[in-house]
Amino acid sequence: MPRSVNSVASHRRRKKILSQTKGYWGRRKNVYTVAKNALEKGLSYAYRDRRNKKRSFRALWIQRINAGVRQYDMSYSEFMGKLSKKGIALNRKVLADLAMNHPEAFKAIVNEVKKA
């Protein structure tokens, strides 16, 4: 009995991978085996970096809050401790945005925290 090969499915699977690697450079876009490896590597980086992005942004927000608070003679940890003690529920993303783009509003928060 002859070997049965489902060439329709094989072709579709290869075509799918080559369409996903559109825009890659050199053989990574048009040679199936190279494209498959490049795509797998790219997808694994994408998965990893979706998690790393959250870390990076949190670190950025902390740096911005720290820089904003130091203008008023406080440290970041001191500020965050007093903020939670006061019961002000603003997250780091919002605080960093206020420190960067709305310094007068951020100053009001710092003054409120300093009263404690």
PDB file of N, CA and C in Angstrom:
ATOM      1  N   MET A   1       0.849  -1.189   0.000  1.00  0.00           N
ATOM      2  CA  MET A   1       0.000   0.000   0.000  1.00  0.00           C
ATOM      3  C   MET A   1       0.892   1.249   0.000  1.00  0.00           C
ATOM      4  N   PRO A   2       0.627   2.185  -0.917  1.00  0.00           N
ATOM      5  CA  PRO A   2       1.466   3.385  -0.973  1.00  0.00           C
ATOM      6  C   PRO A   2       1.267   4.293   0.253  1.00  0.00           C
ATOM      7  N   ARG A   3       2.326   5.034   0.539  1.00  0.00           N
ATOM      8  CA  ARG A   3       2.304   5.954   1.687  1.00  0.00           C
ATOM      9  C   ARG A   3       1.383   7.116   1.380  1.00  0.00           C
ATOM     10  N   SER A   4       0.541   7.448   2.322  1.00  0.00           N
ATOM     11  CA  SER A   4      -0.401   8.554   2.134  1.00  0.00           C
ATOM     12  C   SER A   4       0.176   9.811   2.777  1.00  0.00           C
ATOM     13  N   VAL A   5       0.311  10.858   2.013  1.00  0.00           N
ATOM     14  CA  VAL A   5       0.846  12.121   2.523  1.00  0.00           C
ATOM     15  C   VAL A   5      -0.217  13.193   2.323  1.00  0.00           C
ATOM     16  N   ASN A   6      -0.558  13.864   3.377  1.00  0.00           N
ATOM     17  CA  ASN A   6      -1.569  14.910   3.278  1.00  0.00           C
ATOM     18  C   ASN A   6      -0.887  16.215   2.883  1.00  0.00           C
ATOM     19  N   SER A   7      -0.632  16.359   1.603  1.00  0.00           N
ATOM     20  CA  SER A   7       0.125  17.520   1.137  1.00  0.00           C
ATOM     21  C   SER A   7      -0.656  18.821   1.286  1.00  0.00           C
ATOM     22  N   VAL A   8      -1.958  18.756   1.277  1.00  0.00           N
ATOM     23  CA  VAL A   8      -2.764  19.969   1.443  1.00  0.00           C
ATOM     24  C   VAL A   8      -2.514  20.560   2.827  1.00  0.00           C
ATOM     25  N   ALA A   9      -2.569  19.706   3.850  1.00  0.00           N
ATOM     26  CA  ALA A   9      -2.349  20.175   5.220  1.00  0.00           C
ATOM     27  C   ALA A   9      -0.911  20.645   5.414  1.00  0.00           C
ATOM     28  N   SER A  10       0.040  19.899   4.833  1.00  0.00           N
ATOM     29  CA  SER A  10       1.464  20.263   4.964  1.00  0.00           C
ATOM     30  C   SER A  10       1.719  21.634   4.346  1.00  0.00           C
ATOM     31  N   HIS A  11       1.175  21.822   3.164  1.00  0.00           N
ATOM     32  CA  HIS A  11       1.368  23.095   2.464  1.00  0.00           C
ATOM     33  C   HIS A  11       0.741  24.241   3.252  1.00  0.00           C
ATOM     34  N   ARG A  12      -0.444  24.009   3.785  1.00  0.00           N
ATOM     35  CA  ARG A  12      -1.136  25.044   4.560  1.00  0.00           C
ATOM     36  C   ARG A  12      -0.334  25.414   5.817  1.00  0.00           C
ATOM     37  N   ARG A  13       0.209  24.388   6.476  1.00  0.00           N
ATOM     38  CA  ARG A  13       0.988  24.621   7.698  1.00  0.00           C
ATOM     39  C   ARG A  13       2.246  25.432   7.391  1.00  0.00           C
ATOM     40  N   ARG A  14       2.935  25.077   6.306  1.00  0.00           N
ATOM     41  CA  ARG A  14       4.158  25.807   5.929  1.00  0.00           C
ATOM     42  C   ARG A  14       3.829  27.237   5.506  1.00  0.00           C
ATOM     43  N   LYS A  15       2.739  27.378   4.774  1.00  0.00           N
ATOM     44  CA  LYS A  15       2.322  28.694   4.292  1.00  0.00           C
ATOM     45  C   LYS A  15       1.986  29.614   5.472  1.00  0.00           C
ATOM     46  N   LYS A  16       1.368  29.029   6.502  1.00  0.00           N
ATOM     47  CA  LYS A  16       1.006  29.794   7.696  1.00  0.00           C
ATOM     48  C   LYS A  16       2.260  30.346   8.388  1.00  0.00           C
ATOM     49  N   ILE A  17       3.275  29.511   8.517  1.00  0.00           N
ATOM     50  CA  ILE A  17       4.521  29.947   9.164  1.00  0.00           C
ATOM     51  C   ILE A  17       5.217  31.001   8.321  1.00  0.00           C
ATOM     52  N   LEU A  18       5.274  30.791   7.000  1.00  0.00           N
ATOM     53  CA  LEU A  18       5.931  31.771   6.134  1.00  0.00           C
ATOM     54  C   LEU A  18       5.174  33.101   6.107  1.00  0.00           C
ATOM     55  N   SER A  19       3.864  33.057   6.264  1.00  0.00           N
ATOM     56  CA  SER A  19       3.121  34.320   6.302  1.00  0.00           C
ATOM     57  C   SER A  19       3.362  35.050   7.620  1.00  0.00           C
ATOM     58  N   GLN A  20       3.601  34.287   8.709  1.00  0.00           N
ATOM     59  CA  GLN A  20       3.886  34.923  10.000  1.00  0.00           C
ATOM     60  C   GLN A  20       5.274  35.551  10.042  1.00  0.00           C
ATOM     61  N   THR A  21       6.191  35.059   9.195  1.00  0.00           N
ATOM     62  CA  THR A  21       7.555  35.604   9.191  1.00  0.00           C
ATOM     63  C   THR A  21       7.733  36.682   8.119  1.00  0.00           C
ATOM     64  N   LYS A  22       6.654  37.160   7.582  1.00  0.00           N
ATOM     65  CA  LYS A  22       6.711  38.234   6.598  1.00  0.00           C
ATOM     66  C   LYS A  22       7.355  39.464   7.238  1.00  0.00           C
ATOM     67  N   GLY A  23       8.316  40.040   6.555  1.00  0.00           N
ATOM     68  CA  GLY A  23       8.995  41.205   7.101  1.00  0.00           C
ATOM     69  C   GLY A  23      10.315  40.871   7.759  1.00  0.00           C
ATOM     70  N   TYR A  24      10.604  39.587   7.961  1.00  0.00           N
ATOM     71  CA  TYR A  24      11.905  39.187   8.495  1.00  0.00           C
ATOM     72  C   TYR A  24      12.959  39.387   7.411  1.00  0.00           C
ATOM     73  N   TRP A  25      14.219  39.362   7.779  1.00  0.00           N
ATOM     74  CA  TRP A  25      15.311  39.661   6.858  1.00  0.00           C
ATOM     75  C   TRP A  25      15.940  38.383   6.317  1.00  0.00           C
ATOM     76  N   GLY A  26      16.275  38.389   5.055  1.00  0.00           N
ATOM     77  CA  GLY A  26      17.019  37.288   4.452  1.00  0.00           C
ATOM     78  C   GLY A  26      16.220  36.004   4.367  1.00  0.00           C
ATOM     79  N   ARG A  27      16.908  34.877   4.629  1.00  0.00           N
ATOM     80  CA  ARG A  27      16.269  33.573   4.500  1.00  0.00           C
ATOM     81  C   ARG A  27      15.246  33.312   5.594  1.00  0.00           C
ATOM     82  N   ARG A  28      15.243  34.149   6.615  1.00  0.00           N
ATOM     83  CA  ARG A  28      14.298  33.979   7.721  1.00  0.00           C
ATOM     84  C   ARG A  28      12.849  34.162   7.265  1.00  0.00           C
ATOM     85  N   LYS A  29      12.657  34.790   6.106  1.00  0.00           N
ATOM     86  CA  LYS A  29      11.287  35.033   5.642  1.00  0.00           C
ATOM     87  C   LYS A  29      10.812  34.052   4.580  1.00  0.00           C
ATOM     88  N   ASN A  30      11.756  33.352   3.885  1.00  0.00           N
ATOM     89  CA  ASN A  30      11.298  32.551   2.747  1.00  0.00           C
ATOM     90  C   ASN A  30      11.798  31.113   2.706  1.00  0.00           C
ATOM     91  N   VAL A  31      12.653  30.713   3.644  1.00  0.00           N
ATOM     92  CA  VAL A  31      13.077  29.321   3.723  1.00  0.00           C
ATOM     93  C   VAL A  31      12.389  28.722   4.940  1.00  0.00           C
ATOM     94  N   TYR A  32      11.604  27.683   4.714  1.00  0.00           N
ATOM     95  CA  TYR A  32      10.722  27.177   5.760  1.00  0.00           C
ATOM     96  C   TYR A  32      11.445  26.832   7.053  1.00  0.00           C
ATOM     97  N   THR A  33      12.522  26.050   6.984  1.00  0.00           N
ATOM     98  CA  THR A  33      13.178  25.588   8.221  1.00  0.00           C
ATOM     99  C   THR A  33      13.773  26.757   9.003  1.00  0.00           C
ATOM    100  N   VAL A  34      14.373  27.698   8.288  1.00  0.00           N
ATOM    101  CA  VAL A  34      14.952  28.876   8.942  1.00  0.00           C
ATOM    102  C   VAL A  34      13.833  29.754   9.510  1.00  0.00           C
ATOM    103  N   ALA A  35      12.768  29.916   8.735  1.00  0.00           N
ATOM    104  CA  ALA A  35      11.634  30.746   9.161  1.00  0.00           C
ATOM    105  C   ALA A  35      10.971  30.162  10.393  1.00  0.00           C
ATOM    106  N   LYS A  36      10.846  28.834  10.434  1.00  0.00           N
ATOM    107  CA  LYS A  36      10.218  28.167  11.571  1.00  0.00           C
ATOM    108  C   LYS A  36      11.004  28.426  12.848  1.00  0.00           C
ATOM    109  N   ASN A  37      12.329  28.297  12.766  1.00  0.00           N
ATOM    110  CA  ASN A  37      13.184  28.560  13.934  1.00  0.00           C
ATOM    111  C   ASN A  37      13.092  30.017  14.370  1.00  0.00           C
ATOM    112  N   ALA A  38      13.131  30.927  13.394  1.00  0.00           N
ATOM    113  CA  ALA A  38      13.064  32.356  13.704  1.00  0.00           C
ATOM    114  C   ALA A  38      11.734  32.712  14.351  1.00  0.00           C
ATOM    115  N   LEU A  39      10.657  32.127  13.844  1.00  0.00           N
ATOM    116  CA  LEU A  39       9.328  32.403  14.381  1.00  0.00           C
ATOM    117  C   LEU A  39       9.195  31.888  15.809  1.00  0.00           C
ATOM    118  N   GLU A  40       9.656  30.656  16.057  1.00  0.00           N
ATOM    119  CA  GLU A  40       9.588  30.094  17.409  1.00  0.00           C
ATOM    120  C   GLU A  40      10.367  30.956  18.398  1.00  0.00           C
ATOM    121  N   LYS A  41      11.545  31.391  17.991  1.00  0.00           N
ATOM    122  CA  LYS A  41      12.374  32.242  18.848  1.00  0.00           C
ATOM    123  C   LYS A  41      11.665  33.569  19.107  1.00  0.00           C
ATOM    124  N   GLY A  42      11.110  34.148  18.046  1.00  0.00           N
ATOM    125  CA  GLY A  42      10.406  35.417  18.180  1.00  0.00           C
ATOM    126  C   GLY A  42       9.200  35.318  19.097  1.00  0.00           C
ATOM    127  N   LEU A  43       8.442  34.242  18.965  1.00  0.00           N
ATOM    128  CA  LEU A  43       7.257  34.066  19.808  1.00  0.00           C
ATOM    129  C   LEU A  43       7.643  33.839  21.270  1.00  0.00           C
ATOM    130  N   SER A  44       8.761  33.138  21.495  1.00  0.00           N
ATOM    131  CA  SER A  44       9.191  32.923  22.880  1.00  0.00           C
ATOM    132  C   SER A  44       9.659  34.240  23.504  1.00  0.00           C
ATOM    133  N   TYR A  45      10.337  35.082  22.708  1.00  0.00           N
ATOM    134  CA  TYR A  45      10.734  36.407  23.198  1.00  0.00           C
ATOM    135  C   TYR A  45       9.503  37.258  23.502  1.00  0.00           C
ATOM    136  N   ALA A  46       8.503  37.167  22.636  1.00  0.00           N
ATOM    137  CA  ALA A  46       7.283  37.958  22.831  1.00  0.00           C
ATOM    138  C   ALA A  46       6.584  37.551  24.122  1.00  0.00           C
ATOM    139  N   TYR A  47       6.513  36.253  24.374  1.00  0.00           N
ATOM    140  CA  TYR A  47       5.881  35.744  25.597  1.00  0.00           C
ATOM    141  C   TYR A  47       6.648  36.228  26.824  1.00  0.00           C
ATOM    142  N   ARG A  48       7.966  36.084  26.786  1.00  0.00           N
ATOM    143  CA  ARG A  48       8.809  36.503  27.917  1.00  0.00           C
ATOM    144  C   ARG A  48       8.688  38.007  28.165  1.00  0.00           C
ATOM    145  N   ASP A  49       8.740  38.778  27.098  1.00  0.00           N
ATOM    146  CA  ASP A  49       8.814  40.229  27.259  1.00  0.00           C
ATOM    147  C   ASP A  49       7.475  40.873  27.579  1.00  0.00           C
ATOM    148  N   ARG A  50       6.367  40.159  27.356  1.00  0.00           N
ATOM    149  CA  ARG A  50       5.093  40.683  27.843  1.00  0.00           C
ATOM    150  C   ARG A  50       5.112  40.746  29.365  1.00  0.00           C
ATOM    151  N   ARG A  51       5.821  39.822  30.001  1.00  0.00           N
ATOM    152  CA  ARG A  51       5.958  39.849  31.460  1.00  0.00           C
ATOM    153  C   ARG A  51       7.026  40.843  31.898  1.00  0.00           C
ATOM    154  N   ASN A  52       8.126  40.920  31.149  1.00  0.00           N
ATOM    155  CA  ASN A  52       9.207  41.859  31.500  1.00  0.00           C
ATOM    156  C   ASN A  52       8.768  43.306  31.367  1.00  0.00           C
ATOM    157  N   LYS A  53       7.834  43.563  30.449  1.00  0.00           N
ATOM    158  CA  LYS A  53       7.351  44.926  30.246  1.00  0.00           C
ATOM    159  C   LYS A  53       6.709  45.470  31.519  1.00  0.00           C
ATOM    160  N   LYS A  54       5.996  44.609  32.229  1.00  0.00           N
ATOM    161  CA  LYS A  54       5.346  45.021  33.474  1.00  0.00           C
ATOM    162  C   LYS A  54       6.387  45.412  34.517  1.00  0.00           C
ATOM    163  N   ARG A  55       7.474  44.634  34.584  1.00  0.00           N
ATOM    164  CA  ARG A  55       8.567  44.950  35.509  1.00  0.00           C
ATOM    165  C   ARG A  55       9.214  46.286  35.160  1.00  0.00           C
ATOM    166  N   SER A  56       9.464  46.467  33.866  1.00  0.00           N
ATOM    167  CA  SER A  56      10.157  47.675  33.408  1.00  0.00           C
ATOM    168  C   SER A  56       9.335  48.924  33.714  1.00  0.00           C
ATOM    169  N   PHE A  57       8.043  48.851  33.463  1.00  0.00           N
ATOM    170  CA  PHE A  57       7.201  50.015  33.714  1.00  0.00           C
ATOM    171  C   PHE A  57       7.088  50.326  35.194  1.00  0.00           C
ATOM    172  N   ARG A  58       6.985  49.288  36.026  1.00  0.00           N
ATOM    173  CA  ARG A  58       6.932  49.520  37.465  1.00  0.00           C
ATOM    174  C   ARG A  58       8.208  50.210  37.939  1.00  0.00           C
ATOM    175  N   ALA A  59       9.357  49.756  37.442  1.00  0.00           N
ATOM    176  CA  ALA A  59      10.642  50.371  37.802  1.00  0.00           C
ATOM    177  C   ALA A  59      10.690  51.832  37.353  1.00  0.00           C
ATOM    178  N   LEU A  60      10.177  52.104  36.163  1.00  0.00           N
ATOM    179  CA  LEU A  60      10.148  53.471  35.644  1.00  0.00           C
ATOM    180  C   LEU A  60       9.267  54.366  36.508  1.00  0.00           C
ATOM    181  N   TRP A  61       8.087  53.843  36.879  1.00  0.00           N
ATOM    182  CA  TRP A  61       7.181  54.626  37.726  1.00  0.00           C
ATOM    183  C   TRP A  61       7.832  54.939  39.067  1.00  0.00           C
ATOM    184  N   ILE A  62       8.516  53.970  39.651  1.00  0.00           N
ATOM    185  CA  ILE A  62       9.170  54.175  40.944  1.00  0.00           C
ATOM    186  C   ILE A  62      10.246  55.248  40.827  1.00  0.00           C
ATOM    187  N   GLN A  63      11.027  55.221  39.743  1.00  0.00           N
ATOM    188  CA  GLN A  63      12.063  56.236  39.534  1.00  0.00           C
ATOM    189  C   GLN A  63      11.453  57.629  39.399  1.00  0.00           C
ATOM    190  N   ARG A  64      10.352  57.727  38.689  1.00  0.00           N
ATOM    191  CA  ARG A  64       9.714  59.027  38.491  1.00  0.00           C
ATOM    192  C   ARG A  64       9.119  59.561  39.794  1.00  0.00           C
ATOM    193  N   ILE A  65       8.501  58.686  40.558  1.00  0.00           N
ATOM    194  CA  ILE A  65       7.936  59.108  41.852  1.00  0.00           C
ATOM    195  C   ILE A  65       9.062  59.544  42.771  1.00  0.00           C
ATOM    196  N   ASN A  66      10.137  58.770  42.802  1.00  0.00           N
ATOM    197  CA  ASN A  66      11.286  59.085  43.648  1.00  0.00           C
ATOM    198  C   ASN A  66      11.871  60.449  43.284  1.00  0.00           C
ATOM    199  N   ALA A  67      12.029  60.701  41.990  1.00  0.00           N
ATOM    200  CA  ALA A  67      12.564  61.993  41.550  1.00  0.00           C
ATOM    201  C   ALA A  67      11.629  63.133  41.938  1.00  0.00           C
ATOM    202  N   GLY A  68      10.319  62.906  41.800  1.00  0.00           N
ATOM    203  CA  GLY A  68       9.355  63.944  42.157  1.00  0.00           C
ATOM    204  C   GLY A  68       9.322  64.222  43.642  1.00  0.00           C
ATOM    205  N   VAL A  69       9.445  63.189  44.451  1.00  0.00           N
ATOM    206  CA  VAL A  69       9.343  63.320  45.908  1.00  0.00           C
ATOM    207  C   VAL A  69      10.606  63.946  46.504  1.00  0.00           C
ATOM    208  N   ARG A  70      11.754  63.669  45.898  1.00  0.00           N
ATOM    209  CA  ARG A  70      13.017  64.191  46.422  1.00  0.00           C
ATOM    210  C   ARG A  70      13.088  65.719  46.356  1.00  0.00           C
ATOM    211  N   GLN A  71      12.298  66.323  45.485  1.00  0.00           N
ATOM    212  CA  GLN A  71      12.235  67.785  45.427  1.00  0.00           C
ATOM    213  C   GLN A  71      11.647  68.365  46.703  1.00  0.00           C
ATOM    214  N   TYR A  72      10.891  67.537  47.417  1.00  0.00           N
ATOM    215  CA  TYR A  72      10.241  67.983  48.649  1.00  0.00           C
ATOM    216  C   TYR A  72      10.872  67.323  49.878  1.00  0.00           C
ATOM    217  N   ASP A  73      12.146  66.940  49.758  1.00  0.00           N
ATOM    218  CA  ASP A  73      12.952  66.401  50.870  1.00  0.00           C
ATOM    219  C   ASP A  73      12.347  65.153  51.500  1.00  0.00           C
ATOM    220  N   MET A  74      11.937  64.214  50.676  1.00  0.00           N
ATOM    221  CA  MET A  74      11.459  62.915  51.150  1.00  0.00           C
ATOM    222  C   MET A  74      12.085  61.839  50.276  1.00  0.00           C
ATOM    223  N   SER A  75      12.133  60.630  50.802  1.00  0.00           N
ATOM    224  CA  SER A  75      12.569  59.505  49.983  1.00  0.00           C
ATOM    225  C   SER A  75      11.324  58.778  49.475  1.00  0.00           C
ATOM    226  N   TYR A  76      11.539  57.944  48.486  1.00  0.00           N
ATOM    227  CA  TYR A  76      10.430  57.188  47.896  1.00  0.00           C
ATOM    228  C   TYR A  76       9.765  56.294  48.934  1.00  0.00           C
ATOM    229  N   SER A  77      10.594  55.565  49.694  1.00  0.00           N
ATOM    230  CA  SER A  77      10.030  54.599  50.649  1.00  0.00           C
ATOM    231  C   SER A  77       9.271  55.308  51.761  1.00  0.00           C
ATOM    232  N   GLU A  78       9.805  56.428  52.195  1.00  0.00           N
ATOM    233  CA  GLU A  78       9.133  57.232  53.232  1.00  0.00           C
ATOM    234  C   GLU A  78       7.780  57.724  52.715  1.00  0.00           C
ATOM    235  N   PHE A  79       7.781  58.212  51.469  1.00  0.00           N
ATOM    236  CA  PHE A  79       6.563  58.724  50.844  1.00  0.00           C
ATOM    237  C   PHE A  79       5.503  57.636  50.715  1.00  0.00           C
ATOM    238  N   MET A  80       5.914  56.464  50.207  1.00  0.00           N
ATOM    239  CA  MET A  80       4.954  55.383  49.991  1.00  0.00           C
ATOM    240  C   MET A  80       4.409  54.854  51.321  1.00  0.00           C
ATOM    241  N   GLY A  81       5.256  54.822  52.337  1.00  0.00           N
ATOM    242  CA  GLY A  81       4.807  54.376  53.654  1.00  0.00           C
ATOM    243  C   GLY A  81       3.764  55.308  54.235  1.00  0.00           C
ATOM    244  N   LYS A  82       4.034  56.608  54.154  1.00  0.00           N
ATOM    245  CA  LYS A  82       3.087  57.602  54.688  1.00  0.00           C
ATOM    246  C   LYS A  82       1.810  57.648  53.859  1.00  0.00           C
ATOM    247  N   LEU A  83       1.959  57.409  52.561  1.00  0.00           N
ATOM    248  CA  LEU A  83       0.803  57.411  51.655  1.00  0.00           C
ATOM    249  C   LEU A  83      -0.179  56.305  52.041  1.00  0.00           C
ATOM    250  N   SER A  84       0.342  55.121  52.314  1.00  0.00           N
ATOM    251  CA  SER A  84      -0.538  54.012  52.691  1.00  0.00           C
ATOM    252  C   SER A  84      -1.090  54.204  54.096  1.00  0.00           C
ATOM    253  N   LYS A  85      -0.294  54.813  54.974  1.00  0.00           N
ATOM    254  CA  LYS A  85      -0.748  55.074  56.340  1.00  0.00           C
ATOM    255  C   LYS A  85      -1.904  56.078  56.339  1.00  0.00           C
ATOM    256  N   LYS A  86      -1.829  57.040  55.410  1.00  0.00           N
ATOM    257  CA  LYS A  86      -2.890  58.048  55.271  1.00  0.00           C
ATOM    258  C   LYS A  86      -4.148  57.466  54.635  1.00  0.00           C
ATOM    259  N   GLY A  87      -3.996  56.323  53.963  1.00  0.00           N
ATOM    260  CA  GLY A  87      -5.145  55.708  53.303  1.00  0.00           C
ATOM    261  C   GLY A  87      -5.418  56.271  51.915  1.00  0.00           C
ATOM    262  N   ILE A  88      -4.414  56.881  51.313  1.00  0.00           N
ATOM    263  CA  ILE A  88      -4.564  57.408  49.953  1.00  0.00           C
ATOM    264  C   ILE A  88      -4.263  56.268  48.986  1.00  0.00           C
ATOM    265  N   ALA A  89      -5.251  55.847  48.248  1.00  0.00           N
ATOM    266  CA  ALA A  89      -5.120  54.674  47.374  1.00  0.00           C
ATOM    267  C   ALA A  89      -4.860  55.099  45.931  1.00  0.00           C
ATOM    268  N   LEU A  90      -3.656  55.589  45.678  1.00  0.00           N
ATOM    269  CA  LEU A  90      -3.232  55.901  44.314  1.00  0.00           C
ATOM    270  C   LEU A  90      -2.112  54.939  43.952  1.00  0.00           C
ATOM    271  N   ASN A  91      -2.218  54.328  42.779  1.00  0.00           N
ATOM    272  CA  ASN A  91      -1.170  53.394  42.390  1.00  0.00           C
ATOM    273  C   ASN A  91       0.035  54.130  41.809  1.00  0.00           C
ATOM    274  N   ARG A  92       1.120  53.399  41.603  1.00  0.00           N
ATOM    275  CA  ARG A  92       2.372  53.996  41.153  1.00  0.00           C
ATOM    276  C   ARG A  92       2.249  54.613  39.763  1.00  0.00           C
ATOM    277  N   LYS A  93       1.438  54.015  38.911  1.00  0.00           N
ATOM    278  CA  LYS A  93       1.255  54.536  37.561  1.00  0.00           C
ATOM    279  C   LYS A  93       0.665  55.946  37.607  1.00  0.00           C
ATOM    280  N   VAL A  94      -0.359  56.122  38.412  1.00  0.00           N
ATOM    281  CA  VAL A  94      -1.022  57.425  38.535  1.00  0.00           C
ATOM    282  C   VAL A  94      -0.095  58.437  39.192  1.00  0.00           C
ATOM    283  N   LEU A  95       0.595  58.012  40.252  1.00  0.00           N
ATOM    284  CA  LEU A  95       1.512  58.917  40.948  1.00  0.00           C
ATOM    285  C   LEU A  95       2.637  59.381  40.022  1.00  0.00           C
ATOM    286  N   ALA A  96       3.168  58.461  39.232  1.00  0.00           N
ATOM    287  CA  ALA A  96       4.240  58.824  38.303  1.00  0.00           C
ATOM    288  C   ALA A  96       3.736  59.799  37.248  1.00  0.00           C
ATOM    289  N   ASP A  97       2.518  59.601  36.773  1.00  0.00           N
ATOM    290  CA  ASP A  97       1.940  60.513  35.787  1.00  0.00           C
ATOM    291  C   ASP A  97       1.743  61.898  36.388  1.00  0.00           C
ATOM    292  N   LEU A  98       1.265  61.937  37.636  1.00  0.00           N
ATOM    293  CA  LEU A  98       1.097  63.228  38.300  1.00  0.00           C
ATOM    294  C   LEU A  98       2.437  63.923  38.501  1.00  0.00           C
ATOM    295  N   ALA A  99       3.447  63.172  38.912  1.00  0.00           N
ATOM    296  CA  ALA A  99       4.773  63.748  39.135  1.00  0.00           C
ATOM    297  C   ALA A  99       5.356  64.330  37.853  1.00  0.00           C
ATOM    298  N   MET A 100       5.108  63.665  36.727  1.00  0.00           N
ATOM    299  CA  MET A 100       5.664  64.123  35.448  1.00  0.00           C
ATOM    300  C   MET A 100       4.859  65.267  34.839  1.00  0.00           C
ATOM    301  N   ASN A 101       3.539  65.068  34.760  1.00  0.00           N
ATOM    302  CA  ASN A 101       2.716  65.964  33.946  1.00  0.00           C
ATOM    303  C   ASN A 101       1.892  66.986  34.727  1.00  0.00           C
ATOM    304  N   HIS A 102       1.682  66.737  36.019  1.00  0.00           N
ATOM    305  CA  HIS A 102       0.874  67.650  36.830  1.00  0.00           C
ATOM    306  C   HIS A 102       1.581  67.907  38.165  1.00  0.00           C
ATOM    307  N   PRO A 103       2.674  68.679  38.135  1.00  0.00           N
ATOM    308  CA  PRO A 103       3.471  68.856  39.355  1.00  0.00           C
ATOM    309  C   PRO A 103       2.712  69.527  40.497  1.00  0.00           C
ATOM    310  N   GLU A 104       1.759  70.397  40.182  1.00  0.00           N
ATOM    311  CA  GLU A 104       1.007  71.071  41.247  1.00  0.00           C
ATOM    312  C   GLU A 104       0.098  70.092  41.995  1.00  0.00           C
ATOM    313  N   ALA A 105      -0.514  69.170  41.261  1.00  0.00           N
ATOM    314  CA  ALA A 105      -1.344  68.138  41.896  1.00  0.00           C
ATOM    315  C   ALA A 105      -0.481  67.187  42.718  1.00  0.00           C
ATOM    316  N   PHE A 106       0.698  66.851  42.206  1.00  0.00           N
ATOM    317  CA  PHE A 106       1.613  65.971  42.930  1.00  0.00           C
ATOM    318  C   PHE A 106       2.093  66.650  44.209  1.00  0.00           C
ATOM    319  N   LYS A 107       2.342  67.954  44.124  1.00  0.00           N
ATOM    320  CA  LYS A 107       2.780  68.707  45.309  1.00  0.00           C
ATOM    321  C   LYS A 107       1.701  68.697  46.384  1.00  0.00           C
ATOM    322  N   ALA A 108       0.450  68.792  45.971  1.00  0.00           N
ATOM    323  CA  ALA A 108      -0.659  68.741  46.923  1.00  0.00           C
ATOM    324  C   ALA A 108      -0.705  67.391  47.630  1.00  0.00           C
ATOM    325  N   ILE A 109      -0.463  66.333  46.907  1.00  0.00           N
ATOM    326  CA  ILE A 109      -0.439  64.994  47.513  1.00  0.00           C
ATOM    327  C   ILE A 109       0.721  64.888  48.499  1.00  0.00           C
ATOM    328  N   VAL A 110       1.890  65.390  48.086  1.00  0.00           N
ATOM    329  CA  VAL A 110       3.068  65.337  48.977  1.00  0.00           C
ATOM    330  C   VAL A 110       2.806  66.132  50.255  1.00  0.00           C
ATOM    331  N   ASN A 111       2.205  67.303  50.118  1.00  0.00           N
ATOM    332  CA  ASN A 111       1.892  68.118  51.303  1.00  0.00           C
ATOM    333  C   ASN A 111       0.890  67.411  52.204  1.00  0.00           C
ATOM    334  N   GLU A 112      -0.076  66.746  51.616  1.00  0.00           N
ATOM    335  CA  GLU A 112      -1.062  65.991  52.403  1.00  0.00           C
ATOM    336  C   GLU A 112      -0.391  64.857  53.163  1.00  0.00           C
ATOM    337  N   VAL A 113       0.548  64.218  52.525  1.00  0.00           N
ATOM    338  CA  VAL A 113       1.270  63.108  53.149  1.00  0.00           C
ATOM    339  C   VAL A 113       2.196  63.610  54.259  1.00  0.00           C
ATOM    340  N   LYS A 114       2.801  64.772  54.030  1.00  0.00           N
ATOM    341  CA  LYS A 114       3.744  65.331  55.017  1.00  0.00           C
ATOM    342  C   LYS A 114       3.055  65.710  56.327  1.00  0.00           C
ATOM    343  N   LYS A 115       1.769  66.009  56.277  1.00  0.00           N
ATOM    344  CA  LYS A 115       1.033  66.381  57.491  1.00  0.00           C
ATOM    345  C   LYS A 115       0.982  65.231  58.492  1.00  0.00           C
ATOM    346  N   ALA A 116       1.062  64.018  57.986  1.00  0.00           N
ATOM    347  CA  ALA A 116       0.949  62.834  58.866  1.00  0.00           C
ATOM    348  C   ALA A 116       2.107  62.756  59.856  1.00  0.00           C
TER     349      ALA A 116
END
